[in-house]
Amino acid sequence: MHKILVSRCLLGHRVRYDGGASGPFDQLANWLQEGRVVALCPEVAGGLPTPRAAAEIPGGQGLQVLEGK
């Protein structure tokens, strides 16, 4: 059986930057029950707290950051 790496917020865990969750979603819940899911929040695993300030780039899509501006 293949394992599937899924962000914990999509499984209903309250680990989003605002302390919320994006799920749960039925198919992901089924896979979790089958033992196929490896749940991980990369931000929390990297040491970021929950809740935390939003990491957004106001007024753009990040192109200026990629260009070093």
PDB file of N, CA and C in Angstrom:
ATOM      1  N   MET A   1       0.844  -1.184   0.000  1.00  0.00           N
ATOM      2  CA  MET A   1       0.000   0.000   0.000  1.00  0.00           C
ATOM      3  C   MET A   1       0.887   1.244   0.000  1.00  0.00           C
ATOM      4  N   HIS A   2       0.582   2.171  -0.883  1.00  0.00           N
ATOM      5  CA  HIS A   2       1.327   3.420  -0.954  1.00  0.00           C
ATOM      6  C   HIS A   2       0.884   4.362   0.153  1.00  0.00           C
ATOM      7  N   LYS A   3       1.836   5.052   0.743  1.00  0.00           N
ATOM      8  CA  LYS A   3       1.540   6.080   1.745  1.00  0.00           C
ATOM      9  C   LYS A   3       1.376   7.421   1.039  1.00  0.00           C
ATOM     10  N   ILE A   4       0.566   8.284   1.640  1.00  0.00           N
ATOM     11  CA  ILE A   4       0.287   9.605   1.081  1.00  0.00           C
ATOM     12  C   ILE A   4       0.611  10.642   2.138  1.00  0.00           C
ATOM     13  N   LEU A   5       1.505  11.580   1.820  1.00  0.00           N
ATOM     14  CA  LEU A   5       1.852  12.663   2.735  1.00  0.00           C
ATOM     15  C   LEU A   5       0.803  13.757   2.605  1.00  0.00           C
ATOM     16  N   VAL A   6       0.150  14.089   3.719  1.00  0.00           N
ATOM     17  CA  VAL A   6      -0.942  15.061   3.712  1.00  0.00           C
ATOM     18  C   VAL A   6      -0.703  16.082   4.815  1.00  0.00           C
ATOM     19  N   SER A   7      -0.895  17.346   4.477  1.00  0.00           N
ATOM     20  CA  SER A   7      -0.777  18.398   5.479  1.00  0.00           C
ATOM     21  C   SER A   7      -1.853  18.216   6.544  1.00  0.00           C
ATOM     22  N   ARG A   8      -1.466  18.359   7.794  1.00  0.00           N
ATOM     23  CA  ARG A   8      -2.389  18.126   8.909  1.00  0.00           C
ATOM     24  C   ARG A   8      -3.610  19.031   8.869  1.00  0.00           C
ATOM     25  N   CYS A   9      -3.476  20.254   8.359  1.00  0.00           N
ATOM     26  CA  CYS A   9      -4.644  21.149   8.316  1.00  0.00           C
ATOM     27  C   CYS A   9      -5.730  20.591   7.405  1.00  0.00           C
ATOM     28  N   LEU A  10      -5.348  19.820   6.387  1.00  0.00           N
ATOM     29  CA  LEU A  10      -6.327  19.225   5.482  1.00  0.00           C
ATOM     30  C   LEU A  10      -7.062  18.051   6.117  1.00  0.00           C
ATOM     31  N   LEU A  11      -6.544  17.582   7.244  1.00  0.00           N
ATOM     32  CA  LEU A  11      -7.193  16.503   7.992  1.00  0.00           C
ATOM     33  C   LEU A  11      -8.036  17.050   9.136  1.00  0.00           C
ATOM     34  N   GLY A  12      -8.159  18.374   9.208  1.00  0.00           N
ATOM     35  CA  GLY A  12      -8.974  18.990  10.244  1.00  0.00           C
ATOM     36  C   GLY A  12      -8.210  19.430  11.475  1.00  0.00           C
ATOM     37  N   HIS A  13      -6.886  19.246  11.483  1.00  0.00           N
ATOM     38  CA  HIS A  13      -6.075  19.696  12.617  1.00  0.00           C
ATOM     39  C   HIS A  13      -5.956  21.218  12.562  1.00  0.00           C
ATOM     40  N   ARG A  14      -6.042  21.861  13.692  1.00  0.00           N
ATOM     41  CA  ARG A  14      -6.033  23.324  13.753  1.00  0.00           C
ATOM     42  C   ARG A  14      -4.589  23.834  13.813  1.00  0.00           C
ATOM     43  N   VAL A  15      -3.888  23.707  12.701  1.00  0.00           N
ATOM     44  CA  VAL A  15      -2.486  24.109  12.640  1.00  0.00           C
ATOM     45  C   VAL A  15      -2.216  25.188  11.599  1.00  0.00           C
ATOM     46  N   ARG A  16      -3.266  25.717  10.967  1.00  0.00           N
ATOM     47  CA  ARG A  16      -3.057  26.811  10.015  1.00  0.00           C
ATOM     48  C   ARG A  16      -2.498  28.020  10.749  1.00  0.00           C
ATOM     49  N   TYR A  17      -1.953  28.967  10.008  1.00  0.00           N
ATOM     50  CA  TYR A  17      -1.350  30.157  10.611  1.00  0.00           C
ATOM     51  C   TYR A  17      -2.324  30.876  11.537  1.00  0.00           C
ATOM     52  N   ASP A  18      -3.619  30.821  11.225  1.00  0.00           N
ATOM     53  CA  ASP A  18      -4.625  31.514  12.029  1.00  0.00           C
ATOM     54  C   ASP A  18      -5.239  30.621  13.101  1.00  0.00           C
ATOM     55  N   GLY A  19      -4.685  29.434  13.290  1.00  0.00           N
ATOM     56  CA  GLY A  19      -5.196  28.496  14.280  1.00  0.00           C
ATOM     57  C   GLY A  19      -6.379  27.684  13.790  1.00  0.00           C
ATOM     58  N   GLY A  20      -6.696  27.803  12.521  1.00  0.00           N
ATOM     59  CA  GLY A  20      -7.828  27.079  11.947  1.00  0.00           C
ATOM     60  C   GLY A  20      -7.387  25.831  11.208  1.00  0.00           C
ATOM     61  N   ALA A  21      -8.353  25.248  10.502  1.00  0.00           N
ATOM     62  CA  ALA A  21      -8.107  24.048   9.707  1.00  0.00           C
ATOM     63  C   ALA A  21      -8.801  24.215   8.363  1.00  0.00           C
ATOM     64  N   SER A  22      -8.358  23.462   7.372  1.00  0.00           N
ATOM     65  CA  SER A  22      -8.976  23.518   6.048  1.00  0.00           C
ATOM     66  C   SER A  22      -9.874  22.323   5.783  1.00  0.00           C
ATOM     67  N   GLY A  23      -9.845  21.350   6.622  1.00  0.00           N
ATOM     68  CA  GLY A  23     -10.620  20.128   6.409  1.00  0.00           C
ATOM     69  C   GLY A  23     -11.511  19.870   7.595  1.00  0.00           C
ATOM     70  N   PRO A  24     -11.919  18.670   7.796  1.00  0.00           N
ATOM     71  CA  PRO A  24     -11.481  17.466   7.095  1.00  0.00           C
ATOM     72  C   PRO A  24     -12.227  17.257   5.782  1.00  0.00           C
ATOM     73  N   PHE A  25     -11.622  16.436   4.945  1.00  0.00           N
ATOM     74  CA  PHE A  25     -12.211  16.070   3.667  1.00  0.00           C
ATOM     75  C   PHE A  25     -12.461  14.566   3.676  1.00  0.00           C
ATOM     76  N   ASP A  26     -13.587  14.157   3.129  1.00  0.00           N
ATOM     77  CA  ASP A  26     -14.006  12.760   3.219  1.00  0.00           C
ATOM     78  C   ASP A  26     -12.970  11.782   2.682  1.00  0.00           C
ATOM     79  N   GLN A  27     -12.421  12.035   1.484  1.00  0.00           N
ATOM     80  CA  GLN A  27     -11.470  11.087   0.903  1.00  0.00           C
ATOM     81  C   GLN A  27     -10.217  10.976   1.759  1.00  0.00           C
ATOM     82  N   LEU A  28      -9.740  12.104   2.275  1.00  0.00           N
ATOM     83  CA  LEU A  28      -8.556  12.058   3.136  1.00  0.00           C
ATOM     84  C   LEU A  28      -8.857  11.304   4.421  1.00  0.00           C
ATOM     85  N   ALA A  29     -10.056  11.491   4.965  1.00  0.00           N
ATOM     86  CA  ALA A  29     -10.456  10.762   6.176  1.00  0.00           C
ATOM     87  C   ALA A  29     -10.497   9.259   5.902  1.00  0.00           C
ATOM     88  N   ASN A  30     -10.969   8.871   4.723  1.00  0.00           N
ATOM     89  CA  ASN A  30     -10.985   7.448   4.355  1.00  0.00           C
ATOM     90  C   ASN A  30      -9.571   6.893   4.291  1.00  0.00           C
ATOM     91  N   TRP A  31      -8.679   7.614   3.633  1.00  0.00           N
ATOM     92  CA  TRP A  31      -7.291   7.154   3.531  1.00  0.00           C
ATOM     93  C   TRP A  31      -6.628   7.096   4.901  1.00  0.00           C
ATOM     94  N   LEU A  32      -6.950   8.046   5.769  1.00  0.00           N
ATOM     95  CA  LEU A  32      -6.400   8.037   7.128  1.00  0.00           C
ATOM     96  C   LEU A  32      -6.852   6.783   7.858  1.00  0.00           C
ATOM     97  N   GLN A  33      -8.122   6.450   7.732  1.00  0.00           N
ATOM     98  CA  GLN A  33      -8.678   5.262   8.373  1.00  0.00           C
ATOM     99  C   GLN A  33      -8.035   3.984   7.830  1.00  0.00           C
ATOM    100  N   GLU A  34      -7.681   3.990   6.557  1.00  0.00           N
ATOM    101  CA  GLU A  34      -7.032   2.834   5.931  1.00  0.00           C
ATOM    102  C   GLU A  34      -5.549   2.737   6.282  1.00  0.00           C
ATOM    103  N   GLY A  35      -5.013   3.747   6.957  1.00  0.00           N
ATOM    104  CA  GLY A  35      -3.600   3.743   7.315  1.00  0.00           C
ATOM    105  C   GLY A  35      -2.684   4.196   6.197  1.00  0.00           C
ATOM    106  N   ARG A  36      -3.233   4.868   5.187  1.00  0.00           N
ATOM    107  CA  ARG A  36      -2.438   5.303   4.034  1.00  0.00           C
ATOM    108  C   ARG A  36      -1.819   6.674   4.225  1.00  0.00           C
ATOM    109  N   VAL A  37      -2.305   7.450   5.188  1.00  0.00           N
ATOM    110  CA  VAL A  37      -1.897   8.845   5.331  1.00  0.00           C
ATOM    111  C   VAL A  37      -0.757   8.999   6.330  1.00  0.00           C
ATOM    112  N   VAL A  38       0.229   9.782   5.934  1.00  0.00           N
ATOM    113  CA  VAL A  38       1.259  10.271   6.851  1.00  0.00           C
ATOM    114  C   VAL A  38       0.964  11.753   7.019  1.00  0.00           C
ATOM    115  N   ALA A  39       0.514  12.131   8.216  1.00  0.00           N
ATOM    116  CA  ALA A  39       0.097  13.512   8.471  1.00  0.00           C
ATOM    117  C   ALA A  39       1.288  14.348   8.924  1.00  0.00           C
ATOM    118  N   LEU A  40       1.418  15.537   8.340  1.00  0.00           N
ATOM    119  CA  LEU A  40       2.533  16.420   8.665  1.00  0.00           C
ATOM    120  C   LEU A  40       2.122  17.863   8.428  1.00  0.00           C
ATOM    121  N   CYS A  41       2.485  18.729   9.351  1.00  0.00           N
ATOM    122  CA  CYS A  41       2.371  20.165   9.107  1.00  0.00           C
ATOM    123  C   CYS A  41       3.797  20.666   8.934  1.00  0.00           C
ATOM    124  N   PRO A  42       4.207  21.014   7.717  1.00  0.00           N
ATOM    125  CA  PRO A  42       5.593  21.427   7.507  1.00  0.00           C
ATOM    126  C   PRO A  42       5.972  22.679   8.282  1.00  0.00           C
ATOM    127  N   GLU A  43       5.028  23.599   8.462  1.00  0.00           N
ATOM    128  CA  GLU A  43       5.336  24.829   9.192  1.00  0.00           C
ATOM    129  C   GLU A  43       5.599  24.540  10.667  1.00  0.00           C
ATOM    130  N   VAL A  44       4.751  23.727  11.279  1.00  0.00           N
ATOM    131  CA  VAL A  44       4.939  23.371  12.688  1.00  0.00           C
ATOM    132  C   VAL A  44       6.190  22.505  12.844  1.00  0.00           C
ATOM    133  N   ALA A  45       6.415  21.578  11.914  1.00  0.00           N
ATOM    134  CA  ALA A  45       7.614  20.739  11.965  1.00  0.00           C
ATOM    135  C   ALA A  45       8.880  21.580  11.861  1.00  0.00           C
ATOM    136  N   GLY A  46       8.776  22.713  11.163  1.00  0.00           N
ATOM    137  CA  GLY A  46       9.910  23.625  11.030  1.00  0.00           C
ATOM    138  C   GLY A  46      10.058  24.584  12.199  1.00  0.00           C
ATOM    139  N   GLY A  47       9.171  24.471  13.194  1.00  0.00           N
ATOM    140  CA  GLY A  47       9.307  25.279  14.400  1.00  0.00           C
ATOM    141  C   GLY A  47       8.414  26.504  14.489  1.00  0.00           C
ATOM    142  N   LEU A  48       7.533  26.723  13.506  1.00  0.00           N
ATOM    143  CA  LEU A  48       6.648  27.886  13.572  1.00  0.00           C
ATOM    144  C   LEU A  48       5.506  27.624  14.543  1.00  0.00           C
ATOM    145  N   PRO A  49       5.085  28.650  15.284  1.00  0.00           N
ATOM    146  CA  PRO A  49       3.990  28.476  16.243  1.00  0.00           C
ATOM    147  C   PRO A  49       2.627  28.541  15.552  1.00  0.00           C
ATOM    148  N   THR A  50       1.616  28.103  16.266  1.00  0.00           N
ATOM    149  CA  THR A  50       0.221  28.237  15.826  1.00  0.00           C
ATOM    150  C   THR A  50      -0.550  28.854  16.973  1.00  0.00           C
ATOM    151  N   PRO A  51      -1.254  29.953  16.761  1.00  0.00           N
ATOM    152  CA  PRO A  51      -1.304  30.758  15.548  1.00  0.00           C
ATOM    153  C   PRO A  51      -0.026  31.568  15.359  1.00  0.00           C
ATOM    154  N   ARG A  52       0.118  32.119  14.166  1.00  0.00           N
ATOM    155  CA  ARG A  52       1.289  32.928  13.823  1.00  0.00           C
ATOM    156  C   ARG A  52       0.869  33.989  12.815  1.00  0.00           C
ATOM    157  N   ALA A  53       1.701  34.975  12.643  1.00  0.00           N
ATOM    158  CA  ALA A  53       1.413  36.029  11.663  1.00  0.00           C
ATOM    159  C   ALA A  53       1.380  35.427  10.260  1.00  0.00           C
ATOM    160  N   ALA A  54       0.498  35.934   9.432  1.00  0.00           N
ATOM    161  CA  ALA A  54       0.403  35.457   8.051  1.00  0.00           C
ATOM    162  C   ALA A  54       1.688  35.777   7.299  1.00  0.00           C
ATOM    163  N   ALA A  55       2.140  34.837   6.496  1.00  0.00           N
ATOM    164  CA  ALA A  55       3.347  35.030   5.690  1.00  0.00           C
ATOM    165  C   ALA A  55       2.915  35.354   4.270  1.00  0.00           C
ATOM    166  N   GLU A  56       2.483  36.572   4.077  1.00  0.00           N
ATOM    167  CA  GLU A  56       1.988  36.992   2.774  1.00  0.00           C
ATOM    168  C   GLU A  56       2.860  38.089   2.201  1.00  0.00           C
ATOM    169  N   ILE A  57       2.819  38.213   0.898  1.00  0.00           N
ATOM    170  CA  ILE A  57       3.506  39.298   0.210  1.00  0.00           C
ATOM    171  C   ILE A  57       2.412  40.232  -0.289  1.00  0.00           C
ATOM    172  N   PRO A  58       2.170  41.338   0.423  1.00  0.00           N
ATOM    173  CA  PRO A  58       1.064  42.228   0.048  1.00  0.00           C
ATOM    174  C   PRO A  58       1.239  42.807  -1.357  1.00  0.00           C
ATOM    175  N   GLY A  59       0.162  42.794  -2.111  1.00  0.00           N
ATOM    176  CA  GLY A  59       0.148  43.442  -3.414  1.00  0.00           C
ATOM    177  C   GLY A  59       0.880  42.724  -4.517  1.00  0.00           C
ATOM    178  N   GLY A  60       1.124  41.438  -4.387  1.00  0.00           N
ATOM    179  CA  GLY A  60       1.819  40.763  -5.468  1.00  0.00           C
ATOM    180  C   GLY A  60       1.806  39.258  -5.333  1.00  0.00           C
ATOM    181  N   GLN A  61       2.475  38.627  -6.265  1.00  0.00           N
ATOM    182  CA  GLN A  61       2.560  37.177  -6.307  1.00  0.00           C
ATOM    183  C   GLN A  61       3.949  36.659  -5.937  1.00  0.00           C
ATOM    184  N   GLY A  62       4.830  37.524  -5.505  1.00  0.00           N
ATOM    185  CA  GLY A  62       6.155  37.102  -5.103  1.00  0.00           C
ATOM    186  C   GLY A  62       7.218  37.231  -6.169  1.00  0.00           C
ATOM    187  N   LEU A  63       6.876  37.723  -7.341  1.00  0.00           N
ATOM    188  CA  LEU A  63       7.849  37.853  -8.421  1.00  0.00           C
ATOM    189  C   LEU A  63       9.010  38.750  -8.012  1.00  0.00           C
ATOM    190  N   GLN A  64       8.722  39.851  -7.311  1.00  0.00           N
ATOM    191  CA  GLN A  64       9.794  40.752  -6.881  1.00  0.00           C
ATOM    192  C   GLN A  64      10.743  40.055  -5.911  1.00  0.00           C
ATOM    193  N   VAL A  65      10.214  39.195  -5.063  1.00  0.00           N
ATOM    194  CA  VAL A  65      11.075  38.442  -4.145  1.00  0.00           C
ATOM    195  C   VAL A  65      11.994  37.530  -4.944  1.00  0.00           C
ATOM    196  N   LEU A  66      11.436  36.837  -5.919  1.00  0.00           N
ATOM    197  CA  LEU A  66      12.247  35.943  -6.744  1.00  0.00           C
ATOM    198  C   LEU A  66      13.301  36.698  -7.541  1.00  0.00           C
ATOM    199  N   GLU A  67      12.998  37.956  -7.881  1.00  0.00           N
ATOM    200  CA  GLU A  67      13.949  38.794  -8.610  1.00  0.00           C
ATOM    201  C   GLU A  67      14.942  39.477  -7.677  1.00  0.00           C
ATOM    202  N   GLY A  68      14.827  39.228  -6.379  1.00  0.00           N
ATOM    203  CA  GLY A  68      15.765  39.801  -5.416  1.00  0.00           C
ATOM    204  C   GLY A  68      15.491  41.239  -5.051  1.00  0.00           C
ATOM    205  N   LYS A  69      14.277  41.720  -5.259  1.00  0.00           N
ATOM    206  CA  LYS A  69      13.929  43.111  -4.957  1.00  0.00           C
ATOM    207  C   LYS A  69      13.237  43.225  -3.621  1.00  0.00           C
TER     208      LYS A  69
END
